[in-house]
């Protein structure tokens, strides 16, 4: 089966997100940037949580855990 007219033969569907990808290298770069943003936001969230815990603004319970940024 040949690809539709006008689309390059390397186009495919991205397995993690399900979008139709025409340029895999560009789409892979998008995933890398999104992952980096998520890691930064996780770090900021953990920092705020640590500060709030240290200052006593919130108390520790089974739902309040500080991560090492790898989750």
C-alpha atoms as a PDB file:
ATOM      1  CA  UNK A   1       0.000   0.000   0.000  1.00  0.00           C
ATOM      2  CA  UNK A   2       1.471   3.351  -0.995  1.00  0.00           C
ATOM      3  CA  UNK A   3       1.109   6.550   1.042  1.00  0.00           C
ATOM      4  CA  UNK A   4      -1.517   9.112   0.023  1.00  0.00           C
ATOM      5  CA  UNK A   5      -0.532  11.499  -2.760  1.00  0.00           C
ATOM      6  CA  UNK A   6       1.517  14.446  -1.515  1.00  0.00           C
ATOM      7  CA  UNK A   7       2.755  12.805   1.689  1.00  0.00           C
ATOM      8  CA  UNK A   8       6.315  11.575   2.059  1.00  0.00           C
ATOM      9  CA  UNK A   9       6.749   7.796   2.337  1.00  0.00           C
ATOM     10  CA  UNK A  10       8.324   8.090   5.835  1.00  0.00           C
ATOM     11  CA  UNK A  11       5.167   9.446   7.450  1.00  0.00           C
ATOM     12  CA  UNK A  12       3.704   7.364  10.261  1.00  0.00           C
ATOM     13  CA  UNK A  13       1.718   7.505  13.478  1.00  0.00           C
ATOM     14  CA  UNK A  14       3.517   8.359  16.724  1.00  0.00           C
ATOM     15  CA  UNK A  15       2.971   5.483  19.126  1.00  0.00           C
ATOM     16  CA  UNK A  16       3.103   7.468  22.426  1.00  0.00           C
ATOM     17  CA  UNK A  17       0.735  10.282  21.422  1.00  0.00           C
ATOM     18  CA  UNK A  18      -1.117   8.965  18.368  1.00  0.00           C
ATOM     19  CA  UNK A  19      -0.583  11.897  16.004  1.00  0.00           C
ATOM     20  CA  UNK A  20       0.207  11.496  12.319  1.00  0.00           C
ATOM     21  CA  UNK A  21       3.895  12.341  11.861  1.00  0.00           C
ATOM     22  CA  UNK A  22       5.293  13.521   8.557  1.00  0.00           C
ATOM     23  CA  UNK A  23       8.739  14.545   9.845  1.00  0.00           C
ATOM     24  CA  UNK A  24       9.776  12.140  12.633  1.00  0.00           C
ATOM     25  CA  UNK A  25      12.876  14.126  13.615  1.00  0.00           C
ATOM     26  CA  UNK A  26      10.814  17.273  14.230  1.00  0.00           C
ATOM     27  CA  UNK A  27       8.208  15.365  16.199  1.00  0.00           C
ATOM     28  CA  UNK A  28      10.863  13.610  18.309  1.00  0.00           C
ATOM     29  CA  UNK A  29      12.338  17.026  19.127  1.00  0.00           C
ATOM     30  CA  UNK A  30       8.874  18.179  20.232  1.00  0.00           C
ATOM     31  CA  UNK A  31       8.649  15.206  22.620  1.00  0.00           C
ATOM     32  CA  UNK A  32      12.112  16.027  24.028  1.00  0.00           C
ATOM     33  CA  UNK A  33      11.110  19.658  24.649  1.00  0.00           C
ATOM     34  CA  UNK A  34       7.848  18.627  26.322  1.00  0.00           C
ATOM     35  CA  UNK A  35       9.708  16.165  28.559  1.00  0.00           C
ATOM     36  CA  UNK A  36      12.184  18.889  29.552  1.00  0.00           C
ATOM     37  CA  UNK A  37       9.321  21.266  30.410  1.00  0.00           C
ATOM     38  CA  UNK A  38       7.656  18.589  32.514  1.00  0.00           C
ATOM     39  CA  UNK A  39      10.902  17.962  34.418  1.00  0.00           C
ATOM     40  CA  UNK A  40      11.294  21.701  35.115  1.00  0.00           C
ATOM     41  CA  UNK A  41       7.715  22.007  36.385  1.00  0.00           C
ATOM     42  CA  UNK A  42       8.185  18.909  38.565  1.00  0.00           C
ATOM     43  CA  UNK A  43      11.302  20.490  40.049  1.00  0.00           C
ATOM     44  CA  UNK A  44       9.470  23.777  40.757  1.00  0.00           C
ATOM     45  CA  UNK A  45       6.539  21.921  42.336  1.00  0.00           C
ATOM     46  CA  UNK A  46       8.872  19.905  44.550  1.00  0.00           C
ATOM     47  CA  UNK A  47      10.771  23.033  45.590  1.00  0.00           C
ATOM     48  CA  UNK A  48       7.556  24.834  46.560  1.00  0.00           C
ATOM     49  CA  UNK A  49       6.365  21.766  48.453  1.00  0.00           C
ATOM     50  CA  UNK A  50       9.661  21.553  50.378  1.00  0.00           C
ATOM     51  CA  UNK A  51       9.492  25.242  51.308  1.00  0.00           C
ATOM     52  CA  UNK A  52       5.862  24.986  52.421  1.00  0.00           C
ATOM     53  CA  UNK A  53       6.654  21.892  54.494  1.00  0.00           C
ATOM     54  CA  UNK A  54       9.702  23.558  56.074  1.00  0.00           C
ATOM     55  CA  UNK A  55       7.725  26.679  56.989  1.00  0.00           C
ATOM     56  CA  UNK A  56       4.805  24.683  58.341  1.00  0.00           C
ATOM     57  CA  UNK A  57       2.269  25.995  55.815  1.00  0.00           C
ATOM     58  CA  UNK A  58       1.243  22.399  55.141  1.00  0.00           C
ATOM     59  CA  UNK A  59       1.657  19.238  57.155  1.00  0.00           C
ATOM     60  CA  UNK A  60       2.974  15.918  55.933  1.00  0.00           C
ATOM     61  CA  UNK A  61       0.530  13.098  55.352  1.00  0.00           C
ATOM     62  CA  UNK A  62       0.418  10.015  53.152  1.00  0.00           C
ATOM     63  CA  UNK A  63      -0.576  12.123  50.108  1.00  0.00           C
ATOM     64  CA  UNK A  64       2.130  14.762  50.520  1.00  0.00           C
ATOM     65  CA  UNK A  65       5.453  13.427  49.343  1.00  0.00           C
ATOM     66  CA  UNK A  66       8.433  15.204  47.924  1.00  0.00           C
ATOM     67  CA  UNK A  67       9.919  13.424  44.930  1.00  0.00           C
ATOM     68  CA  UNK A  68      13.440  13.417  43.610  1.00  0.00           C
ATOM     69  CA  UNK A  69      12.263  14.831  40.263  1.00  0.00           C
ATOM     70  CA  UNK A  70      12.340  11.501  38.414  1.00  0.00           C
ATOM     71  CA  UNK A  71       8.636  10.737  38.719  1.00  0.00           C
END
